[in-house]
PDB file of N, CA and C in Angstrom:
ATOM      1  N   MET A   1       0.826  -1.192   0.000  1.00  0.00           N
ATOM      2  CA  MET A   1       0.000   0.000   0.000  1.00  0.00           C
ATOM      3  C   MET A   1       0.865   1.248   0.000  1.00  0.00           C
ATOM      4  N   MET A   2       1.972   1.215   0.749  1.00  0.00           N
ATOM      5  CA  MET A   2       2.847   2.395   0.797  1.00  0.00           C
ATOM      6  C   MET A   2       3.438   2.695  -0.572  1.00  0.00           C
ATOM      7  N   PHE A   3       3.869   1.644  -1.272  1.00  0.00           N
ATOM      8  CA  PHE A   3       4.478   1.855  -2.582  1.00  0.00           C
ATOM      9  C   PHE A   3       3.440   2.319  -3.608  1.00  0.00           C
ATOM     10  N   VAL A   4       2.246   1.783  -3.542  1.00  0.00           N
ATOM     11  CA  VAL A   4       1.181   2.203  -4.461  1.00  0.00           C
ATOM     12  C   VAL A   4       0.797   3.658  -4.195  1.00  0.00           C
ATOM     13  N   ALA A   5       0.672   4.034  -2.928  1.00  0.00           N
ATOM     14  CA  ALA A   5       0.310   5.411  -2.591  1.00  0.00           C
ATOM     15  C   ALA A   5       1.410   6.386  -3.027  1.00  0.00           C
ATOM     16  N   ARG A   6       2.660   5.992  -2.859  1.00  0.00           N
ATOM     17  CA  ARG A   6       3.765   6.862  -3.293  1.00  0.00           C
ATOM     18  C   ARG A   6       3.767   7.013  -4.815  1.00  0.00           C
ATOM     19  N   TRP A   7       3.588   5.884  -5.514  1.00  0.00           N
ATOM     20  CA  TRP A   7       3.560   5.939  -6.973  1.00  0.00           C
ATOM     21  C   TRP A   7       2.387   6.803  -7.447  1.00  0.00           C
ATOM     22  N   TRP A   8       1.218   6.642  -6.836  1.00  0.00           N
ATOM     23  CA  TRP A   8       0.036   7.398  -7.223  1.00  0.00           C
ATOM     24  C   TRP A   8       0.240   8.890  -6.968  1.00  0.00           C
ATOM     25  N   GLY A   9       0.843   9.233  -5.844  1.00  0.00           N
ATOM     26  CA  GLY A   9       1.118  10.640  -5.538  1.00  0.00           C
ATOM     27  C   GLY A   9       2.085  11.259  -6.526  1.00  0.00           C
ATOM     28  N   GLN A  10       3.121  10.511  -6.898  1.00  0.00           N
ATOM     29  CA  GLN A  10       4.071  11.021  -7.886  1.00  0.00           C
ATOM     30  C   GLN A  10       3.422  11.177  -9.253  1.00  0.00           C
ATOM     31  N   LEU A  11       2.537  10.258  -9.591  1.00  0.00           N
ATOM     32  CA  LEU A  11       1.822  10.349 -10.859  1.00  0.00           C
ATOM     33  C   LEU A  11       0.943  11.599 -10.898  1.00  0.00           C
ATOM     34  N   LEU A  12       0.250  11.878  -9.810  1.00  0.00           N
ATOM     35  CA  LEU A  12      -0.596  13.071  -9.763  1.00  0.00           C
ATOM     36  C   LEU A  12       0.228  14.354  -9.830  1.00  0.00           C
ATOM     37  N   THR A  13       1.298  14.421  -9.057  1.00  0.00           N
ATOM     38  CA  THR A  13       2.096  15.653  -9.044  1.00  0.00           C
ATOM     39  C   THR A  13       2.823  15.880 -10.356  1.00  0.00           C
ATOM     40  N   SER A  14       3.166  14.823 -11.074  1.00  0.00           N
ATOM     41  CA  SER A  14       3.840  15.019 -12.355  1.00  0.00           C
ATOM     42  C   SER A  14       2.874  15.459 -13.457  1.00  0.00           C
ATOM     43  N   ASN A  15       1.584  15.166 -13.308  1.00  0.00           N
ATOM     44  CA  ASN A  15       0.611  15.514 -14.342  1.00  0.00           C
ATOM     45  C   ASN A  15      -0.168  16.788 -14.059  1.00  0.00           C
ATOM     46  N   ILE A  16      -0.114  17.306 -12.843  1.00  0.00           N
ATOM     47  CA  ILE A  16      -0.839  18.525 -12.501  1.00  0.00           C
ATOM     48  C   ILE A  16       0.179  19.576 -12.090  1.00  0.00           C
ATOM     49  N   ASP A  17       0.271  20.654 -12.880  1.00  0.00           N
ATOM     50  CA  ASP A  17       1.276  21.689 -12.625  1.00  0.00           C
ATOM     51  C   ASP A  17       0.771  22.784 -11.691  1.00  0.00           C
ATOM     52  N   ASP A  18      -0.481  23.131 -11.786  1.00  0.00           N
ATOM     53  CA  ASP A  18      -1.045  24.210 -10.977  1.00  0.00           C
ATOM     54  C   ASP A  18      -1.249  23.742  -9.538  1.00  0.00           C
ATOM     55  N   THR A  19      -0.703  24.501  -8.588  1.00  0.00           N
ATOM     56  CA  THR A  19      -0.782  24.074  -7.182  1.00  0.00           C
ATOM     57  C   THR A  19      -2.210  24.113  -6.647  1.00  0.00           C
ATOM     58  N   GLU A  20      -3.011  25.058  -7.106  1.00  0.00           N
ATOM     59  CA  GLU A  20      -4.394  25.127  -6.635  1.00  0.00           C
ATOM     60  C   GLU A  20      -5.192  23.917  -7.111  1.00  0.00           C
ATOM     61  N   LYS A  21      -4.972  23.529  -8.365  1.00  0.00           N
ATOM     62  CA  LYS A  21      -5.646  22.340  -8.883  1.00  0.00           C
ATOM     63  C   LYS A  21      -5.128  21.083  -8.182  1.00  0.00           C
ATOM     64  N   MET A  22      -3.831  21.067  -7.874  1.00  0.00           N
ATOM     65  CA  MET A  22      -3.265  19.904  -7.195  1.00  0.00           C
ATOM     66  C   MET A  22      -3.897  19.709  -5.829  1.00  0.00           C
ATOM     67  N   LEU A  23      -4.184  20.813  -5.128  1.00  0.00           N
ATOM     68  CA  LEU A  23      -4.844  20.701  -3.831  1.00  0.00           C
ATOM     69  C   LEU A  23      -6.244  20.112  -3.967  1.00  0.00           C
ATOM     70  N   THR A  24      -6.997  20.591  -4.953  1.00  0.00           N
ATOM     71  CA  THR A  24      -8.366  20.097  -5.102  1.00  0.00           C
ATOM     72  C   THR A  24      -8.393  18.662  -5.620  1.00  0.00           C
ATOM     73  N   PHE A  25      -7.588  18.373  -6.640  1.00  0.00           N
ATOM     74  CA  PHE A  25      -7.558  17.009  -7.170  1.00  0.00           C
ATOM     75  C   PHE A  25      -6.905  16.043  -6.182  1.00  0.00           C
ATOM     76  N   GLY A  26      -5.848  16.494  -5.531  1.00  0.00           N
ATOM     77  CA  GLY A  26      -5.142  15.639  -4.587  1.00  0.00           C
ATOM     78  C   GLY A  26      -6.004  15.243  -3.415  1.00  0.00           C
ATOM     79  N   PHE A  27      -6.836  16.161  -2.951  1.00  0.00           N
ATOM     80  CA  PHE A  27      -7.715  15.863  -1.815  1.00  0.00           C
ATOM     81  C   PHE A  27      -8.630  14.693  -2.140  1.00  0.00           C
ATOM     82  N   VAL A  28      -9.093  14.621  -3.376  1.00  0.00           N
ATOM     83  CA  VAL A  28      -9.996  13.554  -3.776  1.00  0.00           C
ATOM     84  C   VAL A  28      -9.221  12.308  -4.214  1.00  0.00           C
ATOM     85  N   PHE A  29      -8.256  12.485  -5.091  1.00  0.00           N
ATOM     86  CA  PHE A  29      -7.625  11.339  -5.735  1.00  0.00           C
ATOM     87  C   PHE A  29      -6.554  10.654  -4.898  1.00  0.00           C
ATOM     88  N   LEU A  30      -5.988  11.310  -3.898  1.00  0.00           N
ATOM     89  CA  LEU A  30      -4.984  10.639  -3.080  1.00  0.00           C
ATOM     90  C   LEU A  30      -5.607   9.590  -2.157  1.00  0.00           C
ATOM     91  N   GLY A  31      -6.897   9.641  -1.981  1.00  0.00           N
ATOM     92  CA  GLY A  31      -7.577   8.618  -1.194  1.00  0.00           C
ATOM     93  C   GLY A  31      -7.958   7.381  -2.000  1.00  0.00           C
ATOM     94  N   MET A  32      -7.786   7.433  -3.309  1.00  0.00           N
ATOM     95  CA  MET A  32      -8.206   6.322  -4.160  1.00  0.00           C
ATOM     96  C   MET A  32      -7.462   5.013  -3.895  1.00  0.00           C
ATOM     97  N   PRO A  33      -6.127   4.990  -3.715  1.00  0.00           N
ATOM     98  CA  PRO A  33      -5.474   3.699  -3.451  1.00  0.00           C
ATOM     99  C   PRO A  33      -5.992   3.027  -2.184  1.00  0.00           C
ATOM    100  N   GLY A  34      -6.220   3.783  -1.139  1.00  0.00           N
ATOM    101  CA  GLY A  34      -6.762   3.206   0.088  1.00  0.00           C
ATOM    102  C   GLY A  34      -8.169   2.679  -0.102  1.00  0.00           C
ATOM    103  N   PHE A  35      -8.973   3.421  -0.843  1.00  0.00           N
ATOM    104  CA  PHE A  35     -10.341   2.990  -1.125  1.00  0.00           C
ATOM    105  C   PHE A  35     -10.349   1.701  -1.940  1.00  0.00           C
ATOM    106  N   ILE A  36      -9.508   1.639  -2.952  1.00  0.00           N
ATOM    107  CA  ILE A  36      -9.471   0.459  -3.821  1.00  0.00           C
ATOM    108  C   ILE A  36      -8.987  -0.766  -3.052  1.00  0.00           C
ATOM    109  N   THR A  37      -7.962  -0.616  -2.234  1.00  0.00           N
ATOM    110  CA  THR A  37      -7.496  -1.770  -1.460  1.00  0.00           C
ATOM    111  C   THR A  37      -8.521  -2.200  -0.412  1.00  0.00           C
ATOM    112  N   THR A  38      -9.278  -1.259   0.119  1.00  0.00           N
ATOM    113  CA  THR A  38     -10.340  -1.626   1.058  1.00  0.00           C
ATOM    114  C   THR A  38     -11.424  -2.426   0.363  1.00  0.00           C
ATOM    115  N   VAL A  39     -11.832  -1.992  -0.812  1.00  0.00           N
ATOM    116  CA  VAL A  39     -12.860  -2.724  -1.567  1.00  0.00           C
ATOM    117  C   VAL A  39     -12.345  -4.112  -1.943  1.00  0.00           C
ATOM    118  N   LEU A  40     -11.084  -4.210  -2.367  1.00  0.00           N
ATOM    119  CA  LEU A  40     -10.523  -5.521  -2.688  1.00  0.00           C
ATOM    120  C   LEU A  40     -10.457  -6.407  -1.446  1.00  0.00           C
ATOM    121  N   GLY A  41     -10.226  -5.815  -0.291  1.00  0.00           N
ATOM    122  CA  GLY A  41     -10.197  -6.569   0.951  1.00  0.00           C
ATOM    123  C   GLY A  41     -11.543  -7.163   1.320  1.00  0.00           C
ATOM    124  N   TRP A  42     -12.619  -6.570   0.858  1.00  0.00           N
ATOM    125  CA  TRP A  42     -13.951  -7.119   1.121  1.00  0.00           C
ATOM    126  C   TRP A  42     -14.114  -8.494   0.484  1.00  0.00           C
ATOM    127  N   PHE A  43     -13.409  -8.719  -0.622  1.00  0.00           N
ATOM    128  CA  PHE A  43     -13.533  -9.978  -1.348  1.00  0.00           C
ATOM    129  C   PHE A  43     -12.447 -10.973  -0.958  1.00  0.00           C
ATOM    130  N   GLY A  44     -11.591 -10.595  -0.043  1.00  0.00           N
ATOM    131  CA  GLY A  44     -10.524 -11.481   0.411  1.00  0.00           C
ATOM    132  C   GLY A  44     -11.033 -12.558   1.347  1.00  0.00           C
ATOM    133  N   ARG A  45     -10.155 -13.450   1.666  1.00  0.00           N
ATOM    134  CA  ARG A  45     -10.493 -14.559   2.551  1.00  0.00           C
ATOM    135  C   ARG A  45     -10.653 -14.040   3.977  1.00  0.00           C
ATOM    136  N   SER A  46     -11.674 -14.488   4.640  1.00  0.00           N
ATOM    137  CA  SER A  46     -11.846 -14.135   6.044  1.00  0.00           C
ATOM    138  C   SER A  46     -11.823 -15.421   6.866  1.00  0.00           C
ATOM    139  N   SER A  47     -11.367 -15.288   8.082  1.00  0.00           N
ATOM    140  CA  SER A  47     -11.246 -16.453   8.933  1.00  0.00           C
ATOM    141  C   SER A  47     -11.723 -16.102  10.331  1.00  0.00           C
ATOM    142  N   SER A  48     -12.296 -17.086  11.001  1.00  0.00           N
ATOM    143  CA  SER A  48     -12.732 -16.844  12.371  1.00  0.00           C
ATOM    144  C   SER A  48     -11.576 -16.986  13.355  1.00  0.00           C
ATOM    145  N   GLN A  49     -10.473 -17.568  12.887  1.00  0.00           N
ATOM    146  CA  GLN A  49      -9.308 -17.736  13.746  1.00  0.00           C
ATOM    147  C   GLN A  49      -8.440 -16.481  13.689  1.00  0.00           C
ATOM    148  N   PRO A  50      -7.958 -16.012  14.835  1.00  0.00           N
ATOM    149  CA  PRO A  50      -7.075 -14.840  14.812  1.00  0.00           C
ATOM    150  C   PRO A  50      -5.725 -15.179  14.201  1.00  0.00           C
ATOM    151  N   TRP A  51      -5.055 -14.148  13.699  1.00  0.00           N
ATOM    152  CA  TRP A  51      -3.742 -14.308  13.100  1.00  0.00           C
ATOM    153  C   TRP A  51      -2.749 -14.701  14.185  1.00  0.00           C
ATOM    154  N   LYS A  52      -2.019 -15.777  13.957  1.00  0.00           N
ATOM    155  CA  LYS A  52      -1.052 -16.242  14.944  1.00  0.00           C
ATOM    156  C   LYS A  52       0.203 -15.389  14.890  1.00  0.00           C
ATOM    157  N   GLN A  53       0.646 -14.952  16.043  1.00  0.00           N
ATOM    158  CA  GLN A  53       1.875 -14.169  16.099  1.00  0.00           C
ATOM    159  C   GLN A  53       3.029 -15.082  16.481  1.00  0.00           C
ATOM    160  N   ASN A  54       4.103 -14.949  15.732  1.00  0.00           N
ATOM    161  CA  ASN A  54       5.326 -15.659  16.038  1.00  0.00           C
ATOM    162  C   ASN A  54       6.494 -14.723  15.743  1.00  0.00           C
ATOM    163  N   TRP A  55       7.695 -15.227  15.783  1.00  0.00           N
ATOM    164  CA  TRP A  55       8.859 -14.363  15.570  1.00  0.00           C
ATOM    165  C   TRP A  55       8.874 -13.801  14.159  1.00  0.00           C
ATOM    166  N   PHE A  56       8.386 -14.572  13.188  1.00  0.00           N
ATOM    167  CA  PHE A  56       8.393 -14.109  11.798  1.00  0.00           C
ATOM    168  C   PHE A  56       7.456 -12.914  11.603  1.00  0.00           C
ATOM    169  N   THR A  57       6.256 -12.966  12.165  1.00  0.00           N
ATOM    170  CA  THR A  57       5.312 -11.863  11.984  1.00  0.00           C
ATOM    171  C   THR A  57       5.770 -10.617  12.735  1.00  0.00           C
ATOM    172  N   ARG A  58       6.383 -10.792  13.881  1.00  0.00           N
ATOM    173  CA  ARG A  58       6.872  -9.632  14.638  1.00  0.00           C
ATOM    174  C   ARG A  58       8.038  -8.957  13.939  1.00  0.00           C
ATOM    175  N   ILE A  59       8.983  -9.739  13.420  1.00  0.00           N
ATOM    176  CA  ILE A  59      10.117  -9.155  12.685  1.00  0.00           C
ATOM    177  C   ILE A  59       9.637  -8.534  11.380  1.00  0.00           C
ATOM    178  N   GLY A  60       8.682  -9.201  10.716  1.00  0.00           N
ATOM    179  CA  GLY A  60       8.122  -8.639   9.480  1.00  0.00           C
ATOM    180  C   GLY A  60       7.427  -7.306   9.722  1.00  0.00           C
ATOM    181  N   GLY A  61       6.697  -7.192  10.825  1.00  0.00           N
ATOM    182  CA  GLY A  61       6.051  -5.928  11.170  1.00  0.00           C
ATOM    183  C   GLY A  61       7.060  -4.835  11.476  1.00  0.00           C
ATOM    184  N   LEU A  62       8.140  -5.200  12.148  1.00  0.00           N
ATOM    185  CA  LEU A  62       9.191  -4.228  12.446  1.00  0.00           C
ATOM    186  C   LEU A  62       9.875  -3.749  11.172  1.00  0.00           C
ATOM    187  N   ILE A  63      10.130  -4.670  10.252  1.00  0.00           N
ATOM    188  CA  ILE A  63      10.743  -4.288   8.971  1.00  0.00           C
ATOM    189  C   ILE A  63       9.814  -3.370   8.188  1.00  0.00           C
ATOM    190  N   LEU A  64       8.535  -3.675   8.183  1.00  0.00           N
ATOM    191  CA  LEU A  64       7.559  -2.827   7.495  1.00  0.00           C
ATOM    192  C   LEU A  64       7.504  -1.433   8.099  1.00  0.00           C
ATOM    193  N   LEU A  65       7.578  -1.345   9.413  1.00  0.00           N
ATOM    194  CA  LEU A  65       7.597  -0.057  10.091  1.00  0.00           C
ATOM    195  C   LEU A  65       8.836   0.748   9.708  1.00  0.00           C
ATOM    196  N   VAL A  66      10.001   0.116   9.676  1.00  0.00           N
ATOM    197  CA  VAL A  66      11.244   0.805   9.323  1.00  0.00           C
ATOM    198  C   VAL A  66      11.207   1.254   7.866  1.00  0.00           C
ATOM    199  N   VAL A  67      10.727   0.401   6.968  1.00  0.00           N
ATOM    200  CA  VAL A  67      10.638   0.771   5.551  1.00  0.00           C
ATOM    201  C   VAL A  67       9.685   1.953   5.371  1.00  0.00           C
ATOM    202  N   GLY A  68       8.546   1.934   6.044  1.00  0.00           N
ATOM    203  CA  GLY A  68       7.610   3.060   5.965  1.00  0.00           C
ATOM    204  C   GLY A  68       8.230   4.349   6.468  1.00  0.00           C
ATOM    205  N   PHE A  69       8.971   4.278   7.572  1.00  0.00           N
ATOM    206  CA  PHE A  69       9.641   5.458   8.107  1.00  0.00           C
ATOM    207  C   PHE A  69      10.676   5.993   7.122  1.00  0.00           C
ATOM    208  N   LEU A  70      11.451   5.105   6.499  1.00  0.00           N
ATOM    209  CA  LEU A  70      12.469   5.535   5.539  1.00  0.00           C
ATOM    210  C   LEU A  70      11.854   6.126   4.280  1.00  0.00           C
ATOM    211  N   ILE A  71      10.702   5.633   3.876  1.00  0.00           N
ATOM    212  CA  ILE A  71      10.020   6.214   2.711  1.00  0.00           C
ATOM    213  C   ILE A  71       9.533   7.616   3.040  1.00  0.00           C
ATOM    214  N   VAL A  72       8.942   7.789   4.205  1.00  0.00           N
ATOM    215  CA  VAL A  72       8.442   9.110   4.607  1.00  0.00           C
ATOM    216  C   VAL A  72       9.572  10.110   4.741  1.00  0.00           C
ATOM    217  N   ARG A  73      10.703   9.672   5.253  1.00  0.00           N
ATOM    218  CA  ARG A  73      11.867  10.554   5.430  1.00  0.00           C
ATOM    219  C   ARG A  73      12.592  10.838   4.122  1.00  0.00           C
ATOM    220  N   GLY A  74      12.291  10.081   3.062  1.00  0.00           N
ATOM    221  CA  GLY A  74      12.904  10.302   1.754  1.00  0.00           C
ATOM    222  C   GLY A  74      14.205   9.562   1.552  1.00  0.00           C
ATOM    223  N   VAL A  75      14.543   8.658   2.444  1.00  0.00           N
ATOM    224  CA  VAL A  75      15.770   7.881   2.290  1.00  0.00           C
ATOM    225  C   VAL A  75      15.580   6.808   1.228  1.00  0.00           C
ATOM    226  N   LEU A  76      14.463   6.110   1.284  1.00  0.00           N
ATOM    227  CA  LEU A  76      14.105   5.136   0.256  1.00  0.00           C
ATOM    228  C   LEU A  76      13.211   5.812  -0.769  1.00  0.00           C
ATOM    229  N   LEU A  77      13.460   5.542  -2.023  1.00  0.00           N
ATOM    230  CA  LEU A  77      12.658   6.087  -3.122  1.00  0.00           C
ATOM    231  C   LEU A  77      12.601   7.611  -3.075  1.00  0.00           C
ATOM    232  N   GLY A  78      13.655   8.209  -2.626  1.00  0.00           N
ATOM    233  CA  GLY A  78      13.671   9.648  -2.433  1.00  0.00           C
ATOM    234  C   GLY A  78      14.032  10.412  -3.624  1.00  0.00           C
TER     235      GLY A  78
END
């Protein structure tokens, strides 16, 4: 989701030059990746069993957190 949102934001900013239009279009269109992934999630598999946590899921979550922080700071894909 982070990579899709970053790509979508770059696509919008590269195609819209006027800052006033970017504010109006960005307010609406920057929410589209989240909306689309939410709708796709409605059709995903659901389970009554909770997600099991182990060392792999905890380390994976930590890596995802660090990657997200580095993207926001501009170190990755900057």
